[in-house]
Amino acid sequence: MLEARGGVALALGAGGIYGYAHIGVLSVLEEFNLRPDFIVGCSIGAVIGTLYGSGLSGEQLLELGMGLRRNHLLDLRPTRMGLIGGQRLEGVVRLLTRDRRLEEMAPPLAIVATDVERGEKVVFTRGPAARAARASSAMPGIFAPVRIGERLLVDGAVLERVPVRTARELGAERVVAVGLGMLEPGQMRRVRNAFDVLMQSFDIMQREISGAFAVADVLIEPPVAAANASAAGGAQRLIESGRAAALAQIEALQAVLRKKEMAGRG
């Protein structure tokens, strides 16, 4: 269970298939022995954070990322609530994590979702991790919402694309944020299919309302916006973009973690 206050949080943001870049970032952090005190994940960031927190190493995530395909995760099952059921994604995460609960994650993990009926943010720190990750990544109109208790939940990115603010609310003194796919004014991304239309629309909306990035101590932004993630080799290119972005910030990352170590000794 996430009880620690203070320290360094890693905030892994939304981005759909661009989430492969999170794997690249985590692999660099592991190579340099830089470990956050806790992770806060939203959408695909919640899925990747769950896999990492369950004990999968950066190298194992790299192998997994190269092997998984969309059809391994997506069950096309149109209903009045969404085109994709989400049970397949939940099942794969449950299998890979050995059905761990959030209380068992190391480093501790919090997952952000949105209550679509109340318009409220929901932060999970307890309960089945795979279920919470599925709820957090239930993109409206594409994935069916997930009912947990009395709440009907959809993608956490509806309210907070990169969960920096939530990390602060949970007590983080410093936050390393990984943002994926956010378009800058004037930047163009090719729109090839319905998924691209939805992702682009989310990006435009979030660009206008999001000010959370400014409060991150270190911001890692892999250059994924122009990538054709669905093309051959797309996963590898996205992973490499995450690695390159993390390596470009390695001195800042080391400085943040050194502050953590010094605080621990004091």
C-alpha atoms as a PDB file:
ATOM      1  CA  MET A   1       0.000   0.000   0.000  1.00  0.00           C
ATOM      2  CA  LEU A   2       1.230   3.482  -0.860  1.00  0.00           C
ATOM      3  CA  GLU A   3       1.883   5.113   2.519  1.00  0.00           C
ATOM      4  CA  ALA A   4       5.215   6.886   2.035  1.00  0.00           C
ATOM      5  CA  ARG A   5       5.172  10.673   2.112  1.00  0.00           C
ATOM      6  CA  GLY A   6       7.853  12.774   0.493  1.00  0.00           C
ATOM      7  CA  GLY A   7      10.531  11.493  -1.807  1.00  0.00           C
ATOM      8  CA  VAL A   8      10.542  11.234  -5.590  1.00  0.00           C
ATOM      9  CA  ALA A   9       7.555  10.146  -7.667  1.00  0.00           C
ATOM     10  CA  LEU A  10       7.615   8.982 -11.275  1.00  0.00           C
ATOM     11  CA  ALA A  11       4.481  10.127 -13.108  1.00  0.00           C
ATOM     12  CA  LEU A  12       3.766   8.028 -16.219  1.00  0.00           C
ATOM     13  CA  GLY A  13       1.274   9.677 -18.530  1.00  0.00           C
ATOM     14  CA  ALA A  14      -1.314   8.649 -21.087  1.00  0.00           C
ATOM     15  CA  GLY A  15      -0.616   8.112 -24.764  1.00  0.00           C
ATOM     16  CA  GLY A  16      -2.110   4.851 -26.004  1.00  0.00           C
ATOM     17  CA  ILE A  17       0.272   2.872 -28.185  1.00  0.00           C
ATOM     18  CA  TYR A  18       2.940   5.532 -27.608  1.00  0.00           C
ATOM     19  CA  GLY A  19       3.273   3.993 -24.142  1.00  0.00           C
ATOM     20  CA  TYR A  20       6.054   1.795 -25.505  1.00  0.00           C
ATOM     21  CA  ALA A  21       8.242   4.845 -24.856  1.00  0.00           C
ATOM     22  CA  HIS A  22       7.632   4.420 -21.110  1.00  0.00           C
ATOM     23  CA  ILE A  23       9.470   1.099 -21.351  1.00  0.00           C
ATOM     24  CA  GLY A  24      12.504   2.860 -22.785  1.00  0.00           C
ATOM     25  CA  VAL A  25      12.483   5.414 -19.972  1.00  0.00           C
ATOM     26  CA  LEU A  26      12.221   2.742 -17.282  1.00  0.00           C
ATOM     27  CA  SER A  27      15.051   0.738 -18.824  1.00  0.00           C
ATOM     28  CA  VAL A  28      17.363   3.765 -18.598  1.00  0.00           C
ATOM     29  CA  LEU A  29      16.396   4.477 -14.984  1.00  0.00           C
ATOM     30  CA  GLU A  30      17.179   0.878 -14.113  1.00  0.00           C
ATOM     31  CA  GLU A  31      20.521   0.908 -15.940  1.00  0.00           C
ATOM     32  CA  PHE A  32      21.609   3.960 -13.927  1.00  0.00           C
ATOM     33  CA  ASN A  33      20.186   2.511 -10.702  1.00  0.00           C
ATOM     34  CA  LEU A  34      17.717   5.373 -10.371  1.00  0.00           C
ATOM     35  CA  ARG A  35      14.633   4.156  -8.545  1.00  0.00           C
ATOM     36  CA  PRO A  36      11.689   6.394  -7.613  1.00  0.00           C
ATOM     37  CA  ASP A  37      10.036   6.142  -4.208  1.00  0.00           C
ATOM     38  CA  PHE A  38       6.686   5.549  -5.865  1.00  0.00           C
ATOM     39  CA  ILE A  39       5.007   5.590  -9.275  1.00  0.00           C
ATOM     40  CA  VAL A  40       1.758   7.252 -10.311  1.00  0.00           C
ATOM     41  CA  GLY A  41       0.311   5.963 -13.575  1.00  0.00           C
ATOM     42  CA  CYS A  42      -2.476   7.125 -15.841  1.00  0.00           C
ATOM     43  CA  SER A  43      -3.898   5.161 -18.797  1.00  0.00           C
ATOM     44  CA  ILE A  44      -1.063   3.324 -20.582  1.00  0.00           C
ATOM     45  CA  GLY A  45       1.217   4.707 -17.876  1.00  0.00           C
ATOM     46  CA  ALA A  46      -0.871   2.762 -15.348  1.00  0.00           C
ATOM     47  CA  VAL A  47      -0.453  -0.438 -17.369  1.00  0.00           C
ATOM     48  CA  ILE A  48       3.322  -0.057 -17.716  1.00  0.00           C
ATOM     49  CA  GLY A  49       3.651   1.029 -14.081  1.00  0.00           C
ATOM     50  CA  THR A  50       1.727  -2.055 -12.980  1.00  0.00           C
ATOM     51  CA  LEU A  51       3.996  -4.386 -14.941  1.00  0.00           C
ATOM     52  CA  TYR A  52       7.122  -2.702 -13.558  1.00  0.00           C
ATOM     53  CA  GLY A  53       5.829  -2.561  -9.993  1.00  0.00           C
ATOM     54  CA  SER A  54       4.995  -6.265 -10.072  1.00  0.00           C
ATOM     55  CA  GLY A  55       8.678  -7.105 -10.457  1.00  0.00           C
ATOM     56  CA  LEU A  56       9.308  -7.132 -14.209  1.00  0.00           C
ATOM     57  CA  SER A  57      12.757  -5.666 -14.875  1.00  0.00           C
ATOM     58  CA  GLY A  58      13.532  -3.066 -17.498  1.00  0.00           C
ATOM     59  CA  GLU A  59      15.076  -5.771 -19.662  1.00  0.00           C
ATOM     60  CA  GLN A  60      12.001  -7.977 -19.315  1.00  0.00           C
ATOM     61  CA  LEU A  61       9.778  -5.051 -20.259  1.00  0.00           C
ATOM     62  CA  LEU A  62      11.913  -4.472 -23.348  1.00  0.00           C
ATOM     63  CA  GLU A  63      11.464  -8.100 -24.401  1.00  0.00           C
ATOM     64  CA  LEU A  64       7.760  -7.950 -23.656  1.00  0.00           C
ATOM     65  CA  GLY A  65       7.306  -4.730 -25.601  1.00  0.00           C
ATOM     66  CA  MET A  66       8.924  -6.232 -28.669  1.00  0.00           C
ATOM     67  CA  GLY A  67       6.730  -9.334 -28.486  1.00  0.00           C
ATOM     68  CA  LEU A  68       3.271  -7.939 -27.776  1.00  0.00           C
ATOM     69  CA  ARG A  69       0.897  -6.998 -30.579  1.00  0.00           C
ATOM     70  CA  ARG A  70      -2.388  -5.107 -30.507  1.00  0.00           C
ATOM     71  CA  ASN A  71      -4.429  -8.272 -30.999  1.00  0.00           C
ATOM     72  CA  HIS A  72      -2.879  -9.682 -27.805  1.00  0.00           C
ATOM     73  CA  LEU A  73      -4.465  -6.836 -25.824  1.00  0.00           C
ATOM     74  CA  LEU A  74      -7.597  -5.715 -27.663  1.00  0.00           C
ATOM     75  CA  ASP A  75     -10.855  -7.668 -27.733  1.00  0.00           C
ATOM     76  CA  LEU A  76     -13.165  -6.123 -30.320  1.00  0.00           C
ATOM     77  CA  ARG A  77     -16.538  -6.526 -28.651  1.00  0.00           C
ATOM     78  CA  PRO A  78     -18.848  -3.636 -29.586  1.00  0.00           C
ATOM     79  CA  THR A  79     -21.417  -2.686 -26.966  1.00  0.00           C
ATOM     80  CA  ARG A  80     -23.452   0.430 -26.329  1.00  0.00           C
ATOM     81  CA  MET A  81     -20.631   1.593 -24.009  1.00  0.00           C
ATOM     82  CA  GLY A  82     -17.588   0.997 -26.240  1.00  0.00           C
ATOM     83  CA  LEU A  83     -16.038  -0.876 -29.142  1.00  0.00           C
ATOM     84  CA  ILE A  84     -13.469  -2.816 -27.074  1.00  0.00           C
ATOM     85  CA  GLY A  85     -14.361  -4.743 -23.945  1.00  0.00           C
ATOM     86  CA  GLY A  86     -11.013  -4.513 -22.175  1.00  0.00           C
ATOM     87  CA  GLN A  87     -11.173  -8.002 -20.639  1.00  0.00           C
ATOM     88  CA  ARG A  88      -8.250  -9.177 -22.768  1.00  0.00           C
ATOM     89  CA  LEU A  89      -6.030  -6.313 -21.583  1.00  0.00           C
ATOM     90  CA  GLU A  90      -6.970  -6.996 -17.977  1.00  0.00           C
ATOM     91  CA  GLY A  91      -6.330 -10.717 -18.415  1.00  0.00           C
ATOM     92  CA  VAL A  92      -2.868 -10.187 -19.905  1.00  0.00           C
ATOM     93  CA  VAL A  93      -1.887  -7.757 -17.130  1.00  0.00           C
ATOM     94  CA  ARG A  94      -3.234 -10.127 -14.488  1.00  0.00           C
ATOM     95  CA  LEU A  95      -1.225 -12.999 -15.977  1.00  0.00           C
ATOM     96  CA  LEU A  96       2.022 -11.038 -16.299  1.00  0.00           C
ATOM     97  CA  THR A  97       1.755  -9.613 -12.789  1.00  0.00           C
ATOM     98  CA  ARG A  98       0.664 -12.919 -11.230  1.00  0.00           C
ATOM     99  CA  ASP A  99      -2.582 -11.204 -10.166  1.00  0.00           C
ATOM    100  CA  ARG A 100      -0.836  -8.911  -7.706  1.00  0.00           C
ATOM    101  CA  ARG A 101      -2.630  -6.234  -5.750  1.00  0.00           C
ATOM    102  CA  LEU A 102      -1.580  -2.603  -5.612  1.00  0.00           C
ATOM    103  CA  GLU A 103      -0.524  -3.105  -1.993  1.00  0.00           C
ATOM    104  CA  GLU A 104       2.142  -5.546  -3.204  1.00  0.00           C
ATOM    105  CA  MET A 105       3.791  -3.283  -5.777  1.00  0.00           C
ATOM    106  CA  ALA A 106       7.427  -2.252  -5.396  1.00  0.00           C
ATOM    107  CA  PRO A 107       7.998   0.590  -5.820  1.00  0.00           C
ATOM    108  CA  PRO A 108       4.518   1.487  -4.520  1.00  0.00           C
ATOM    109  CA  LEU A 109       2.016   2.378  -7.221  1.00  0.00           C
ATOM    110  CA  ALA A 110      -1.006   4.660  -7.487  1.00  0.00           C
ATOM    111  CA  ILE A 111      -3.365   4.514 -10.493  1.00  0.00           C
ATOM    112  CA  VAL A 112      -5.526   7.397 -11.700  1.00  0.00           C
ATOM    113  CA  ALA A 113      -8.949   6.915 -13.311  1.00  0.00           C
ATOM    114  CA  THR A 114     -12.009   9.105 -13.928  1.00  0.00           C
ATOM    115  CA  ASP A 115     -15.516   8.538 -12.548  1.00  0.00           C
ATOM    116  CA  VAL A 116     -17.484   9.372 -15.705  1.00  0.00           C
ATOM    117  CA  GLU A 117     -20.802   9.713 -13.868  1.00  0.00           C
ATOM    118  CA  ARG A 118     -19.594  12.061 -11.134  1.00  0.00           C
ATOM    119  CA  GLY A 119     -16.855  13.811 -13.112  1.00  0.00           C
ATOM    120  CA  GLU A 120     -14.335  13.048 -10.360  1.00  0.00           C
ATOM    121  CA  LYS A 121     -10.767  11.816 -10.239  1.00  0.00           C
ATOM    122  CA  VAL A 122     -10.324   8.431  -8.562  1.00  0.00           C
ATOM    123  CA  VAL A 123      -6.912   7.349  -7.249  1.00  0.00           C
ATOM    124  CA  PHE A 124      -6.355   3.663  -6.511  1.00  0.00           C
ATOM    125  CA  THR A 125      -3.672   2.585  -4.034  1.00  0.00           C
ATOM    126  CA  ARG A 126      -5.341  -0.673  -2.980  1.00  0.00           C
ATOM    127  CA  GLY A 127      -7.075  -3.560  -4.701  1.00  0.00           C
ATOM    128  CA  PRO A 128      -6.482  -5.692  -7.808  1.00  0.00           C
ATOM    129  CA  ALA A 129      -3.852  -3.918  -9.897  1.00  0.00           C
ATOM    130  CA  ALA A 130      -4.951  -5.321 -13.264  1.00  0.00           C
ATOM    131  CA  ARG A 131      -8.530  -4.150 -12.747  1.00  0.00           C
ATOM    132  CA  ALA A 132      -7.432  -0.629 -11.790  1.00  0.00           C
ATOM    133  CA  ALA A 133      -5.065  -0.469 -14.784  1.00  0.00           C
ATOM    134  CA  ARG A 134      -7.869  -1.505 -17.115  1.00  0.00           C
ATOM    135  CA  ALA A 135     -10.157   1.189 -15.697  1.00  0.00           C
ATOM    136  CA  SER A 136      -7.442   3.833 -15.980  1.00  0.00           C
ATOM    137  CA  SER A 137      -6.903   3.016 -19.671  1.00  0.00           C
ATOM    138  CA  ALA A 138     -10.574   2.764 -20.712  1.00  0.00           C
ATOM    139  CA  MET A 139     -10.470   5.442 -23.405  1.00  0.00           C
ATOM    140  CA  PRO A 140     -14.011   6.857 -23.780  1.00  0.00           C
ATOM    141  CA  GLY A 141     -15.821   5.716 -26.904  1.00  0.00           C
ATOM    142  CA  ILE A 142     -13.204   3.050 -27.619  1.00  0.00           C
ATOM    143  CA  PHE A 143     -12.992   0.943 -24.449  1.00  0.00           C
ATOM    144  CA  ALA A 144     -16.067   0.110 -22.397  1.00  0.00           C
ATOM    145  CA  PRO A 145     -16.082   1.782 -18.967  1.00  0.00           C
ATOM    146  CA  VAL A 146     -15.247  -0.370 -15.947  1.00  0.00           C
ATOM    147  CA  ARG A 147     -17.538  -0.670 -12.953  1.00  0.00           C
ATOM    148  CA  ILE A 148     -15.663  -0.843  -9.638  1.00  0.00           C
ATOM    149  CA  GLY A 149     -17.914  -0.626  -6.620  1.00  0.00           C
ATOM    150  CA  GLU A 150     -20.356   2.223  -7.150  1.00  0.00           C
ATOM    151  CA  ARG A 151     -18.167   4.002  -9.694  1.00  0.00           C
ATOM    152  CA  LEU A 152     -18.209   3.795 -13.495  1.00  0.00           C
ATOM    153  CA  LEU A 153     -14.643   4.477 -14.547  1.00  0.00           C
ATOM    154  CA  VAL A 154     -12.897   5.622 -17.719  1.00  0.00           C
ATOM    155  CA  ASP A 155      -9.447   6.802 -18.739  1.00  0.00           C
ATOM    156  CA  GLY A 156      -7.667   8.921 -16.150  1.00  0.00           C
ATOM    157  CA  ALA A 157      -6.447  11.165 -18.980  1.00  0.00           C
ATOM    158  CA  VAL A 158      -9.900  12.736 -19.152  1.00  0.00           C
ATOM    159  CA  LEU A 159      -8.904  14.771 -16.084  1.00  0.00           C
ATOM    160  CA  GLU A 160      -5.124  14.426 -15.842  1.00  0.00           C
ATOM    161  CA  ARG A 161      -3.057  13.265 -18.778  1.00  0.00           C
ATOM    162  CA  VAL A 162       0.220  13.176 -16.840  1.00  0.00           C
ATOM    163  CA  PRO A 163      -0.470  12.641 -13.114  1.00  0.00           C
ATOM    164  CA  VAL A 164       1.972  15.187 -11.708  1.00  0.00           C
ATOM    165  CA  ARG A 165      -0.686  16.873  -9.596  1.00  0.00           C
ATOM    166  CA  THR A 166      -1.773  13.553  -8.117  1.00  0.00           C
ATOM    167  CA  ALA A 167       1.842  12.725  -7.250  1.00  0.00           C
ATOM    168  CA  ARG A 168       2.065  16.011  -5.330  1.00  0.00           C
ATOM    169  CA  GLU A 169      -1.232  15.295  -3.582  1.00  0.00           C
ATOM    170  CA  LEU A 170       0.170  11.940  -2.485  1.00  0.00           C
ATOM    171  CA  GLY A 171       3.088  13.737  -0.865  1.00  0.00           C
ATOM    172  CA  ALA A 172       5.883  13.735  -3.448  1.00  0.00           C
ATOM    173  CA  GLU A 173       8.518  16.395  -2.841  1.00  0.00           C
ATOM    174  CA  ARG A 174       9.900  15.959  -6.352  1.00  0.00           C
ATOM    175  CA  VAL A 175       8.284  14.564  -9.486  1.00  0.00           C
ATOM    176  CA  VAL A 176       9.791  13.102 -12.639  1.00  0.00           C
ATOM    177  CA  ALA A 177       7.101  13.237 -15.342  1.00  0.00           C
ATOM    178  CA  VAL A 178       6.959  11.318 -18.618  1.00  0.00           C
ATOM    179  CA  GLY A 179       4.610  12.934 -21.138  1.00  0.00           C
ATOM    180  CA  LEU A 180       3.731  11.252 -24.426  1.00  0.00           C
ATOM    181  CA  GLY A 181       2.418  12.637 -27.668  1.00  0.00           C
ATOM    182  CA  MET A 182       1.378  16.127 -26.600  1.00  0.00           C
ATOM    183  CA  LEU A 183       1.257  18.325 -29.695  1.00  0.00           C
ATOM    184  CA  GLU A 184       2.851  21.754 -29.652  1.00  0.00           C
ATOM    185  CA  PRO A 185       1.057  24.650 -31.374  1.00  0.00           C
ATOM    186  CA  GLY A 186       1.717  24.456 -35.115  1.00  0.00           C
ATOM    187  CA  GLN A 187       3.021  20.889 -34.963  1.00  0.00           C
ATOM    188  CA  MET A 188       1.410  18.363 -37.312  1.00  0.00           C
ATOM    189  CA  ARG A 189       0.815  14.654 -36.851  1.00  0.00           C
ATOM    190  CA  ARG A 190      -0.524  12.523 -39.689  1.00  0.00           C
ATOM    191  CA  VAL A 191      -4.024  11.181 -39.011  1.00  0.00           C
ATOM    192  CA  ARG A 192      -4.409   7.725 -40.538  1.00  0.00           C
ATOM    193  CA  ASN A 193      -7.332   6.064 -38.772  1.00  0.00           C
ATOM    194  CA  ALA A 194     -10.087   6.489 -36.163  1.00  0.00           C
ATOM    195  CA  PHE A 195      -7.639   5.848 -33.315  1.00  0.00           C
ATOM    196  CA  ASP A 196      -5.417   8.682 -34.558  1.00  0.00           C
ATOM    197  CA  VAL A 197      -8.443  10.993 -34.729  1.00  0.00           C
ATOM    198  CA  LEU A 198      -9.287  10.266 -31.117  1.00  0.00           C
ATOM    199  CA  MET A 199      -5.694  10.572 -29.872  1.00  0.00           C
ATOM    200  CA  GLN A 200      -5.155  13.823 -31.750  1.00  0.00           C
ATOM    201  CA  SER A 201      -8.383  15.252 -30.343  1.00  0.00           C
ATOM    202  CA  PHE A 202      -7.319  14.311 -26.793  1.00  0.00           C
ATOM    203  CA  ASP A 203      -3.937  15.925 -27.354  1.00  0.00           C
ATOM    204  CA  ILE A 204      -5.433  19.191 -28.589  1.00  0.00           C
ATOM    205  CA  MET A 205      -7.867  19.321 -25.665  1.00  0.00           C
ATOM    206  CA  GLN A 206      -5.225  18.476 -23.066  1.00  0.00           C
ATOM    207  CA  ARG A 207      -2.779  21.008 -24.503  1.00  0.00           C
ATOM    208  CA  GLU A 208      -5.304  23.722 -23.829  1.00  0.00           C
ATOM    209  CA  ILE A 209      -6.245  22.723 -20.277  1.00  0.00           C
ATOM    210  CA  SER A 210      -3.083  21.143 -18.875  1.00  0.00           C
ATOM    211  CA  GLY A 211      -0.729  23.165 -16.738  1.00  0.00           C
ATOM    212  CA  ALA A 212       0.514  20.220 -14.686  1.00  0.00           C
ATOM    213  CA  PHE A 213       3.744  19.725 -16.634  1.00  0.00           C
ATOM    214  CA  ALA A 214       5.079  23.013 -15.277  1.00  0.00           C
ATOM    215  CA  VAL A 215       5.175  21.668 -11.718  1.00  0.00           C
ATOM    216  CA  ALA A 216       7.321  18.624 -12.560  1.00  0.00           C
ATOM    217  CA  ASP A 217      10.946  18.786 -11.411  1.00  0.00           C
ATOM    218  CA  VAL A 218      12.119  16.792 -14.434  1.00  0.00           C
ATOM    219  CA  LEU A 219      10.051  16.419 -17.598  1.00  0.00           C
ATOM    220  CA  ILE A 220      10.838  13.650 -20.074  1.00  0.00           C
ATOM    221  CA  GLU A 221       9.065  14.021 -23.416  1.00  0.00           C
ATOM    222  CA  PRO A 222       9.938  11.267 -25.901  1.00  0.00           C
ATOM    223  CA  PRO A 223       9.480  12.579 -29.475  1.00  0.00           C
ATOM    224  CA  VAL A 224       6.630  10.243 -30.349  1.00  0.00           C
ATOM    225  CA  ALA A 225       4.173  12.641 -31.999  1.00  0.00           C
ATOM    226  CA  ALA A 226       5.429  12.060 -35.532  1.00  0.00           C
ATOM    227  CA  ALA A 227       5.938   8.298 -35.144  1.00  0.00           C
ATOM    228  CA  ASN A 228       3.869   5.785 -37.102  1.00  0.00           C
ATOM    229  CA  ALA A 229       3.450   3.494 -34.133  1.00  0.00           C
ATOM    230  CA  SER A 230       1.417   0.893 -36.014  1.00  0.00           C
ATOM    231  CA  ALA A 231       3.990   0.398 -38.785  1.00  0.00           C
ATOM    232  CA  ALA A 232       6.586  -2.381 -38.781  1.00  0.00           C
ATOM    233  CA  GLY A 233       9.222  -1.644 -36.161  1.00  0.00           C
ATOM    234  CA  GLY A 234       7.032   0.986 -34.524  1.00  0.00           C
ATOM    235  CA  ALA A 235       7.354  -0.516 -31.036  1.00  0.00           C
ATOM    236  CA  GLN A 236      11.136  -0.558 -31.252  1.00  0.00           C
ATOM    237  CA  ARG A 237      11.268   3.055 -32.464  1.00  0.00           C
ATOM    238  CA  LEU A 238       9.038   4.172 -29.595  1.00  0.00           C
ATOM    239  CA  ILE A 239      11.104   2.298 -27.011  1.00  0.00           C
ATOM    240  CA  GLU A 240      14.248   3.879 -28.425  1.00  0.00           C
ATOM    241  CA  SER A 241      12.633   7.320 -28.321  1.00  0.00           C
ATOM    242  CA  GLY A 242      11.927   6.805 -24.620  1.00  0.00           C
ATOM    243  CA  ARG A 243      15.504   5.761 -23.986  1.00  0.00           C
ATOM    244  CA  ALA A 244      16.891   8.733 -25.895  1.00  0.00           C
ATOM    245  CA  ALA A 245      14.657  11.197 -24.038  1.00  0.00           C
ATOM    246  CA  ALA A 246      15.650   9.759 -20.652  1.00  0.00           C
ATOM    247  CA  LEU A 247      19.345   9.759 -21.513  1.00  0.00           C
ATOM    248  CA  ALA A 248      19.057  13.407 -22.565  1.00  0.00           C
ATOM    249  CA  GLN A 249      17.848  14.180 -19.025  1.00  0.00           C
ATOM    250  CA  ILE A 250      20.162  11.819 -17.170  1.00  0.00           C
ATOM    251  CA  GLU A 251      22.085  14.555 -15.320  1.00  0.00           C
ATOM    252  CA  ALA A 252      18.843  16.109 -14.080  1.00  0.00           C
ATOM    253  CA  LEU A 253      17.542  12.687 -13.083  1.00  0.00           C
ATOM    254  CA  GLN A 254      20.714  11.893 -11.169  1.00  0.00           C
ATOM    255  CA  ALA A 255      20.563  15.266  -9.404  1.00  0.00           C
ATOM    256  CA  VAL A 256      16.989  14.602  -8.256  1.00  0.00           C
ATOM    257  CA  LEU A 257      17.866  11.142  -6.981  1.00  0.00           C
ATOM    258  CA  ARG A 258      21.015  12.427  -5.253  1.00  0.00           C
ATOM    259  CA  LYS A 259      18.856  14.909  -3.362  1.00  0.00           C
ATOM    260  CA  LYS A 260      16.701  11.975  -2.301  1.00  0.00           C
ATOM    261  CA  GLU A 261      19.719  10.032  -1.035  1.00  0.00           C
ATOM    262  CA  MET A 262      21.100  13.064   0.834  1.00  0.00           C
ATOM    263  CA  ALA A 263      17.731  13.659   2.466  1.00  0.00           C
ATOM    264  CA  GLY A 264      17.672  10.020   3.553  1.00  0.00           C
ATOM    265  CA  ARG A 265      21.092  10.355   5.190  1.00  0.00           C
ATOM    266  CA  GLY A 266      20.088  13.534   6.951  1.00  0.00           C
END
